[in-house]
Amino acid sequence: MNEKYDIMIIVAHPDDAEFGVAGSVAHWIAAGRSVIYVVSTNGEKGTSDRTLSPETLAEMRRQEQQDAASLLGVGRVVFLDMPDQ
């Protein structure tokens, strides 16, 4: 990875950035700053819906995170894919 970003947001789970700092991220991007997200876990335990397999949930949350970041204008999302605790 050789890209350079002004701001790095590191979170534990997919969607944590949106709940915590989405307003700030939108402000920074509107001001011309570049942002990268680093998501530590894959989010396979983030639901009460027992019909979803952990693998399906992890893929859903990954896509939702990508979509949300794209909507805000985040330059890149890096997934470390650690198991959710």
PDB file of N, CA and C in Angstrom:
ATOM      1  N   MET A   1       0.850  -1.185   0.000  1.00  0.00           N
ATOM      2  CA  MET A   1       0.000   0.000   0.000  1.00  0.00           C
ATOM      3  C   MET A   1       0.886   1.234   0.000  1.00  0.00           C
ATOM      4  N   ASN A   2       0.861   1.961  -1.078  1.00  0.00           N
ATOM      5  CA  ASN A   2       1.666   3.163  -1.200  1.00  0.00           C
ATOM      6  C   ASN A   2       0.842   4.440  -1.175  1.00  0.00           C
ATOM      7  N   GLU A   3      -0.470   4.314  -1.092  1.00  0.00           N
ATOM      8  CA  GLU A   3      -1.315   5.499  -1.045  1.00  0.00           C
ATOM      9  C   GLU A   3      -1.067   6.252   0.264  1.00  0.00           C
ATOM     10  N   LYS A   4      -1.257   7.550   0.203  1.00  0.00           N
ATOM     11  CA  LYS A   4      -1.123   8.372   1.400  1.00  0.00           C
ATOM     12  C   LYS A   4      -2.489   8.965   1.726  1.00  0.00           C
ATOM     13  N   TYR A   5      -2.826   8.932   3.011  1.00  0.00           N
ATOM     14  CA  TYR A   5      -4.096   9.465   3.488  1.00  0.00           C
ATOM     15  C   TYR A   5      -3.821  10.463   4.596  1.00  0.00           C
ATOM     16  N   ASP A   6      -4.697  11.438   4.718  1.00  0.00           N
ATOM     17  CA  ASP A   6      -4.556  12.440   5.771  1.00  0.00           C
ATOM     18  C   ASP A   6      -5.012  11.907   7.124  1.00  0.00           C
ATOM     19  N   ILE A   7      -6.059  11.087   7.100  1.00  0.00           N
ATOM     20  CA  ILE A   7      -6.698  10.645   8.342  1.00  0.00           C
ATOM     21  C   ILE A   7      -6.952   9.152   8.278  1.00  0.00           C
ATOM     22  N   MET A   8      -6.584   8.456   9.360  1.00  0.00           N
ATOM     23  CA  MET A   8      -6.843   7.021   9.479  1.00  0.00           C
ATOM     24  C   MET A   8      -7.802   6.806  10.644  1.00  0.00           C
ATOM     25  N   ILE A   9      -8.900   6.132  10.347  1.00  0.00           N
ATOM     26  CA  ILE A   9      -9.889   5.785  11.366  1.00  0.00           C
ATOM     27  C   ILE A   9      -9.738   4.290  11.636  1.00  0.00           C
ATOM     28  N   ILE A  10      -9.433   3.915  12.871  1.00  0.00           N
ATOM     29  CA  ILE A  10      -9.271   2.513  13.246  1.00  0.00           C
ATOM     30  C   ILE A  10     -10.426   2.144  14.172  1.00  0.00           C
ATOM     31  N   VAL A  11     -11.168   1.108  13.787  1.00  0.00           N
ATOM     32  CA  VAL A  11     -12.324   0.673  14.577  1.00  0.00           C
ATOM     33  C   VAL A  11     -12.286  -0.833  14.778  1.00  0.00           C
ATOM     34  N   ALA A  12     -13.045  -1.292  15.746  1.00  0.00           N
ATOM     35  CA  ALA A  12     -13.097  -2.721  16.046  1.00  0.00           C
ATOM     36  C   ALA A  12     -14.001  -3.488  15.094  1.00  0.00           C
ATOM     37  N   HIS A  13     -15.169  -2.948  14.793  1.00  0.00           N
ATOM     38  CA  HIS A  13     -16.185  -3.678  14.035  1.00  0.00           C
ATOM     39  C   HIS A  13     -16.664  -2.883  12.824  1.00  0.00           C
ATOM     40  N   PRO A  14     -17.140  -3.590  11.796  1.00  0.00           N
ATOM     41  CA  PRO A  14     -17.810  -2.880  10.705  1.00  0.00           C
ATOM     42  C   PRO A  14     -18.962  -2.063  11.287  1.00  0.00           C
ATOM     43  N   ASP A  15     -19.155  -0.893  10.848  1.00  0.00           N
ATOM     44  CA  ASP A  15     -20.164   0.116  11.208  1.00  0.00           C
ATOM     45  C   ASP A  15     -19.807   0.953  12.426  1.00  0.00           C
ATOM     46  N   ASP A  16     -18.731   0.626  13.152  1.00  0.00           N
ATOM     47  CA  ASP A  16     -18.341   1.449  14.305  1.00  0.00           C
ATOM     48  C   ASP A  16     -17.995   2.874  13.891  1.00  0.00           C
ATOM     49  N   ALA A  17     -17.346   3.026  12.750  1.00  0.00           N
ATOM     50  CA  ALA A  17     -16.982   4.373  12.303  1.00  0.00           C
ATOM     51  C   ALA A  17     -18.227   5.213  12.037  1.00  0.00           C
ATOM     52  N   GLU A  18     -19.239   4.596  11.432  1.00  0.00           N
ATOM     53  CA  GLU A  18     -20.456   5.344  11.130  1.00  0.00           C
ATOM     54  C   GLU A  18     -21.185   5.768  12.404  1.00  0.00           C
ATOM     55  N   PHE A  19     -21.174   4.926  13.410  1.00  0.00           N
ATOM     56  CA  PHE A  19     -21.819   5.296  14.668  1.00  0.00           C
ATOM     57  C   PHE A  19     -21.003   6.313  15.445  1.00  0.00           C
ATOM     58  N   GLY A  20     -19.688   6.296  15.255  1.00  0.00           N
ATOM     59  CA  GLY A  20     -18.834   7.148  16.073  1.00  0.00           C
ATOM     60  C   GLY A  20     -18.369   8.445  15.447  1.00  0.00           C
ATOM     61  N   VAL A  21     -17.957   8.401  14.171  1.00  0.00           N
ATOM     62  CA  VAL A  21     -17.310   9.584  13.608  1.00  0.00           C
ATOM     63  C   VAL A  21     -17.756   9.945  12.190  1.00  0.00           C
ATOM     64  N   ALA A  22     -18.881   9.430  11.740  1.00  0.00           N
ATOM     65  CA  ALA A  22     -19.308   9.688  10.357  1.00  0.00           C
ATOM     66  C   ALA A  22     -19.463  11.173  10.071  1.00  0.00           C
ATOM     67  N   GLY A  23     -19.971  11.931  11.006  1.00  0.00           N
ATOM     68  CA  GLY A  23     -20.126  13.368  10.795  1.00  0.00           C
ATOM     69  C   GLY A  23     -18.789  14.053  10.597  1.00  0.00           C
ATOM     70  N   SER A  24     -17.824  13.678  11.416  1.00  0.00           N
ATOM     71  CA  SER A  24     -16.477  14.239  11.276  1.00  0.00           C
ATOM     72  C   SER A  24     -15.844  13.811   9.963  1.00  0.00           C
ATOM     73  N   VAL A  25     -16.002  12.542   9.599  1.00  0.00           N
ATOM     74  CA  VAL A  25     -15.447  12.041   8.342  1.00  0.00           C
ATOM     75  C   VAL A  25     -16.045  12.816   7.164  1.00  0.00           C
ATOM     76  N   ALA A  26     -17.350  13.006   7.168  1.00  0.00           N
ATOM     77  CA  ALA A  26     -18.002  13.763   6.096  1.00  0.00           C
ATOM     78  C   ALA A  26     -17.453  15.191   6.035  1.00  0.00           C
ATOM     79  N   HIS A  27     -17.254  15.804   7.183  1.00  0.00           N
ATOM     80  CA  HIS A  27     -16.709  17.170   7.254  1.00  0.00           C
ATOM     81  C   HIS A  27     -15.290  17.211   6.689  1.00  0.00           C
ATOM     82  N   TRP A  28     -14.449  16.271   7.110  1.00  0.00           N
ATOM     83  CA  TRP A  28     -13.059  16.250   6.633  1.00  0.00           C
ATOM     84  C   TRP A  28     -12.989  16.026   5.127  1.00  0.00           C
ATOM     85  N   ILE A  29     -13.807  15.105   4.633  1.00  0.00           N
ATOM     86  CA  ILE A  29     -13.794  14.820   3.198  1.00  0.00           C
ATOM     87  C   ILE A  29     -14.291  16.036   2.414  1.00  0.00           C
ATOM     88  N   ALA A  30     -15.326  16.689   2.912  1.00  0.00           N
ATOM     89  CA  ALA A  30     -15.827  17.900   2.251  1.00  0.00           C
ATOM     90  C   ALA A  30     -14.769  19.004   2.231  1.00  0.00           C
ATOM     91  N   ALA A  31     -13.875  18.972   3.216  1.00  0.00           N
ATOM     92  CA  ALA A  31     -12.801  19.964   3.303  1.00  0.00           C
ATOM     93  C   ALA A  31     -11.574  19.554   2.480  1.00  0.00           C
ATOM     94  N   GLY A  32     -11.685  18.420   1.773  1.00  0.00           N
ATOM     95  CA  GLY A  32     -10.602  17.997   0.896  1.00  0.00           C
ATOM     96  C   GLY A  32      -9.598  17.038   1.499  1.00  0.00           C
ATOM     97  N   ARG A  33      -9.865  16.540   2.691  1.00  0.00           N
ATOM     98  CA  ARG A  33      -8.954  15.581   3.334  1.00  0.00           C
ATOM     99  C   ARG A  33      -9.256  14.179   2.828  1.00  0.00           C
ATOM    100  N   SER A  34      -8.246  13.333   2.825  1.00  0.00           N
ATOM    101  CA  SER A  34      -8.447  11.941   2.417  1.00  0.00           C
ATOM    102  C   SER A  34      -8.479  11.063   3.665  1.00  0.00           C
ATOM    103  N   VAL A  35      -9.354  10.048   3.635  1.00  0.00           N
ATOM    104  CA  VAL A  35      -9.601   9.211   4.811  1.00  0.00           C
ATOM    105  C   VAL A  35      -9.497   7.740   4.427  1.00  0.00           C
ATOM    106  N   ILE A  36      -8.903   6.961   5.316  1.00  0.00           N
ATOM    107  CA  ILE A  36      -8.857   5.509   5.194  1.00  0.00           C
ATOM    108  C   ILE A  36      -9.418   4.916   6.477  1.00  0.00           C
ATOM    109  N   TYR A  37     -10.187   3.839   6.328  1.00  0.00           N
ATOM    110  CA  TYR A  37     -10.693   3.089   7.483  1.00  0.00           C
ATOM    111  C   TYR A  37      -9.885   1.805   7.630  1.00  0.00           C
ATOM    112  N   VAL A  38      -9.610   1.432   8.870  1.00  0.00           N
ATOM    113  CA  VAL A  38      -9.052   0.125   9.190  1.00  0.00           C
ATOM    114  C   VAL A  38     -10.040  -0.536  10.139  1.00  0.00           C
ATOM    115  N   VAL A  39     -10.612  -1.656   9.713  1.00  0.00           N
ATOM    116  CA  VAL A  39     -11.616  -2.377  10.496  1.00  0.00           C
ATOM    117  C   VAL A  39     -10.967  -3.657  11.012  1.00  0.00           C
ATOM    118  N   SER A  40     -10.882  -3.795  12.329  1.00  0.00           N
ATOM    119  CA  SER A  40     -10.120  -4.891  12.927  1.00  0.00           C
ATOM    120  C   SER A  40     -10.779  -6.259  12.812  1.00  0.00           C
ATOM    121  N   THR A  41     -12.063  -6.343  13.135  1.00  0.00           N
ATOM    122  CA  THR A  41     -12.735  -7.646  13.147  1.00  0.00           C
ATOM    123  C   THR A  41     -13.661  -7.796  11.945  1.00  0.00           C
ATOM    124  N   ASN A  42     -14.079  -9.030  11.696  1.00  0.00           N
ATOM    125  CA  ASN A  42     -14.949  -9.274  10.548  1.00  0.00           C
ATOM    126  C   ASN A  42     -16.432  -9.131  10.876  1.00  0.00           C
ATOM    127  N   GLY A  43     -16.793  -8.939  12.141  1.00  0.00           N
ATOM    128  CA  GLY A  43     -18.179  -8.668  12.514  1.00  0.00           C
ATOM    129  C   GLY A  43     -19.129  -9.844  12.427  1.00  0.00           C
ATOM    130  N   GLU A  44     -18.606 -11.056  12.496  1.00  0.00           N
ATOM    131  CA  GLU A  44     -19.463 -12.233  12.310  1.00  0.00           C
ATOM    132  C   GLU A  44     -20.384 -12.512  13.491  1.00  0.00           C
ATOM    133  N   LYS A  45     -20.269 -11.736  14.570  1.00  0.00           N
ATOM    134  CA  LYS A  45     -21.142 -11.952  15.724  1.00  0.00           C
ATOM    135  C   LYS A  45     -22.040 -10.754  16.001  1.00  0.00           C
ATOM    136  N   GLY A  46     -22.208  -9.878  15.045  1.00  0.00           N
ATOM    137  CA  GLY A  46     -22.924  -8.631  15.283  1.00  0.00           C
ATOM    138  C   GLY A  46     -24.404  -8.661  14.988  1.00  0.00           C
ATOM    139  N   THR A  47     -25.110  -9.724  15.355  1.00  0.00           N
ATOM    140  CA  THR A  47     -26.555  -9.767  15.131  1.00  0.00           C
ATOM    141  C   THR A  47     -27.214 -10.675  16.162  1.00  0.00           C
ATOM    142  N   SER A  48     -28.501 -10.483  16.335  1.00  0.00           N
ATOM    143  CA  SER A  48     -29.273 -11.402  17.174  1.00  0.00           C
ATOM    144  C   SER A  48     -30.053 -12.385  16.299  1.00  0.00           C
ATOM    145  N   ASP A  49     -29.922 -12.271  14.983  1.00  0.00           N
ATOM    146  CA  ASP A  49     -30.604 -13.154  14.043  1.00  0.00           C
ATOM    147  C   ASP A  49     -29.852 -14.478  13.936  1.00  0.00           C
ATOM    148  N   ARG A  50     -30.362 -15.500  14.581  1.00  0.00           N
ATOM    149  CA  ARG A  50     -29.690 -16.803  14.628  1.00  0.00           C
ATOM    150  C   ARG A  50     -29.804 -17.589  13.317  1.00  0.00           C
ATOM    151  N   THR A  51     -30.572 -17.064  12.357  1.00  0.00           N
ATOM    152  CA  THR A  51     -30.693 -17.766  11.077  1.00  0.00           C
ATOM    153  C   THR A  51     -29.498 -17.476  10.157  1.00  0.00           C
ATOM    154  N   LEU A  52     -28.721 -16.459  10.481  1.00  0.00           N
ATOM    155  CA  LEU A  52     -27.563 -16.102   9.663  1.00  0.00           C
ATOM    156  C   LEU A  52     -26.322 -16.840  10.138  1.00  0.00           C
ATOM    157  N   SER A  53     -25.614 -17.460   9.216  1.00  0.00           N
ATOM    158  CA  SER A  53     -24.345 -18.096   9.584  1.00  0.00           C
ATOM    159  C   SER A  53     -23.315 -16.990   9.825  1.00  0.00           C
ATOM    160  N   PRO A  54     -22.299 -17.266  10.626  1.00  0.00           N
ATOM    161  CA  PRO A  54     -21.252 -16.261  10.845  1.00  0.00           C
ATOM    162  C   PRO A  54     -20.595 -15.807   9.543  1.00  0.00           C
ATOM    163  N   GLU A  55     -20.405 -16.724   8.620  1.00  0.00           N
ATOM    164  CA  GLU A  55     -19.775 -16.384   7.340  1.00  0.00           C
ATOM    165  C   GLU A  55     -20.652 -15.432   6.520  1.00  0.00           C
ATOM    166  N   THR A  56     -21.952 -15.718   6.496  1.00  0.00           N
ATOM    167  CA  THR A  56     -22.885 -14.862   5.768  1.00  0.00           C
ATOM    168  C   THR A  56     -22.945 -13.482   6.394  1.00  0.00           C
ATOM    169  N   LEU A  57     -23.020 -13.446   7.709  1.00  0.00           N
ATOM    170  CA  LEU A  57     -23.078 -12.165   8.408  1.00  0.00           C
ATOM    171  C   LEU A  57     -21.805 -11.358   8.172  1.00  0.00           C
ATOM    172  N   ALA A  58     -20.657 -12.006   8.245  1.00  0.00           N
ATOM    173  CA  ALA A  58     -19.394 -11.294   8.021  1.00  0.00           C
ATOM    174  C   ALA A  58     -19.360 -10.680   6.629  1.00  0.00           C
ATOM    175  N   GLU A  59     -19.809 -11.416   5.624  1.00  0.00           N
ATOM    176  CA  GLU A  59     -19.815 -10.891   4.255  1.00  0.00           C
ATOM    177  C   GLU A  59     -20.815  -9.739   4.113  1.00  0.00           C
ATOM    178  N   MET A  60     -21.980  -9.867   4.742  1.00  0.00           N
ATOM    179  CA  MET A  60     -22.971  -8.788   4.708  1.00  0.00           C
ATOM    180  C   MET A  60     -22.410  -7.518   5.330  1.00  0.00           C
ATOM    181  N   ARG A  61     -21.791  -7.665   6.489  1.00  0.00           N
ATOM    182  CA  ARG A  61     -21.259  -6.502   7.198  1.00  0.00           C
ATOM    183  C   ARG A  61     -20.092  -5.871   6.444  1.00  0.00           C
ATOM    184  N   ARG A  62     -19.297  -6.700   5.791  1.00  0.00           N
ATOM    185  CA  ARG A  62     -18.199  -6.188   4.980  1.00  0.00           C
ATOM    186  C   ARG A  62     -18.750  -5.320   3.837  1.00  0.00           C
ATOM    187  N   GLN A  63     -19.775  -5.830   3.157  1.00  0.00           N
ATOM    188  CA  GLN A  63     -20.362  -5.076   2.050  1.00  0.00           C
ATOM    189  C   GLN A  63     -21.025  -3.795   2.554  1.00  0.00           C
ATOM    190  N   GLU A  64     -21.739  -3.882   3.671  1.00  0.00           N
ATOM    191  CA  GLU A  64     -22.367  -2.688   4.238  1.00  0.00           C
ATOM    192  C   GLU A  64     -21.312  -1.636   4.595  1.00  0.00           C
ATOM    193  N   GLN A  65     -20.180  -2.103   5.141  1.00  0.00           N
ATOM    194  CA  GLN A  65     -19.116  -1.161   5.491  1.00  0.00           C
ATOM    195  C   GLN A  65     -18.543  -0.496   4.245  1.00  0.00           C
ATOM    196  N   GLN A  66     -18.325  -1.288   3.209  1.00  0.00           N
ATOM    197  CA  GLN A  66     -17.823  -0.730   1.947  1.00  0.00           C
ATOM    198  C   GLN A  66     -18.798   0.311   1.391  1.00  0.00           C
ATOM    199  N   ASP A  67     -20.083  -0.033   1.411  1.00  0.00           N
ATOM    200  CA  ASP A  67     -21.108   0.873   0.877  1.00  0.00           C
ATOM    201  C   ASP A  67     -21.163   2.185   1.668  1.00  0.00           C
ATOM    202  N   ALA A  68     -21.120   2.086   2.991  1.00  0.00           N
ATOM    203  CA  ALA A  68     -21.177   3.287   3.829  1.00  0.00           C
ATOM    204  C   ALA A  68     -19.946   4.156   3.612  1.00  0.00           C
ATOM    205  N   ALA A  69     -18.783   3.538   3.539  1.00  0.00           N
ATOM    206  CA  ALA A  69     -17.547   4.289   3.313  1.00  0.00           C
ATOM    207  C   ALA A  69     -17.576   4.977   1.951  1.00  0.00           C
ATOM    208  N   SER A  70     -18.068   4.266   0.961  1.00  0.00           N
ATOM    209  CA  SER A  70     -18.169   4.831  -0.385  1.00  0.00           C
ATOM    210  C   SER A  70     -19.109   6.039  -0.395  1.00  0.00           C
ATOM    211  N   LEU A  71     -20.225   5.926   0.291  1.00  0.00           N
ATOM    212  CA  LEU A  71     -21.190   7.022   0.365  1.00  0.00           C
ATOM    213  C   LEU A  71     -20.558   8.278   0.977  1.00  0.00           C
ATOM    214  N   LEU A  72     -19.715   8.073   1.982  1.00  0.00           N
ATOM    215  CA  LEU A  72     -19.050   9.208   2.634  1.00  0.00           C
ATOM    216  C   LEU A  72     -17.875   9.750   1.823  1.00  0.00           C
ATOM    217  N   GLY A  73     -17.343   8.924   0.928  1.00  0.00           N
ATOM    218  CA  GLY A  73     -16.177   9.340   0.155  1.00  0.00           C
ATOM    219  C   GLY A  73     -14.859   8.871   0.724  1.00  0.00           C
ATOM    220  N   VAL A  74     -14.904   7.890   1.612  1.00  0.00           N
ATOM    221  CA  VAL A  74     -13.684   7.328   2.192  1.00  0.00           C
ATOM    222  C   VAL A  74     -12.878   6.675   1.069  1.00  0.00           C
ATOM    223  N   GLY A  75     -11.580   6.926   1.062  1.00  0.00           N
ATOM    224  CA  GLY A  75     -10.737   6.460  -0.026  1.00  0.00           C
ATOM    225  C   GLY A  75     -10.491   4.967  -0.052  1.00  0.00           C
ATOM    226  N   ARG A  76     -10.419   4.350   1.117  1.00  0.00           N
ATOM    227  CA  ARG A  76     -10.136   2.914   1.163  1.00  0.00           C
ATOM    228  C   ARG A  76     -10.594   2.361   2.506  1.00  0.00           C
ATOM    229  N   VAL A  77     -11.004   1.087   2.481  1.00  0.00           N
ATOM    230  CA  VAL A  77     -11.324   0.350   3.706  1.00  0.00           C
ATOM    231  C   VAL A  77     -10.428  -0.873   3.740  1.00  0.00           C
ATOM    232  N   VAL A  78      -9.675  -1.008   4.822  1.00  0.00           N
ATOM    233  CA  VAL A  78      -8.813  -2.179   5.019  1.00  0.00           C
ATOM    234  C   VAL A  78      -9.449  -3.029   6.092  1.00  0.00           C
ATOM    235  N   PHE A  79      -9.656  -4.301   5.778  1.00  0.00           N
ATOM    236  CA  PHE A  79     -10.229  -5.258   6.734  1.00  0.00           C
ATOM    237  C   PHE A  79      -9.121  -6.159   7.247  1.00  0.00           C
ATOM    238  N   LEU A  80      -8.901  -6.186   8.548  1.00  0.00           N
ATOM    239  CA  LEU A  80      -7.906  -7.081   9.137  1.00  0.00           C
ATOM    240  C   LEU A  80      -8.465  -8.473   9.368  1.00  0.00           C
ATOM    241  N   ASP A  81      -9.793  -8.599   9.342  1.00  0.00           N
ATOM    242  CA  ASP A  81     -10.506  -9.891   9.423  1.00  0.00           C
ATOM    243  C   ASP A  81     -10.179 -10.728  10.647  1.00  0.00           C
ATOM    244  N   MET A  82      -9.948 -10.075  11.756  1.00  0.00           N
ATOM    245  CA  MET A  82      -9.774 -10.815  13.012  1.00  0.00           C
ATOM    246  C   MET A  82     -11.143 -11.322  13.459  1.00  0.00           C
ATOM    247  N   PRO A  83     -11.190 -12.450  14.169  1.00  0.00           N
ATOM    248  CA  PRO A  83     -12.483 -12.950  14.653  1.00  0.00           C
ATOM    249  C   PRO A  83     -13.105 -11.953  15.636  1.00  0.00           C
ATOM    250  N   ASP A  84     -14.407 -11.837  15.574  1.00  0.00           N
ATOM    251  CA  ASP A  84     -15.135 -10.952  16.494  1.00  0.00           C
ATOM    252  C   ASP A  84     -15.186 -11.624  17.860  1.00  0.00           C
ATOM    253  N   GLN A  85     -15.061 -10.851  18.890  1.00  0.00           N
ATOM    254  CA  GLN A  85     -15.117 -11.377  20.251  1.00  0.00           C
ATOM    255  C   GLN A  85     -16.368 -10.911  20.905  1.00  0.00           C
TER     256      GLN A  85
END
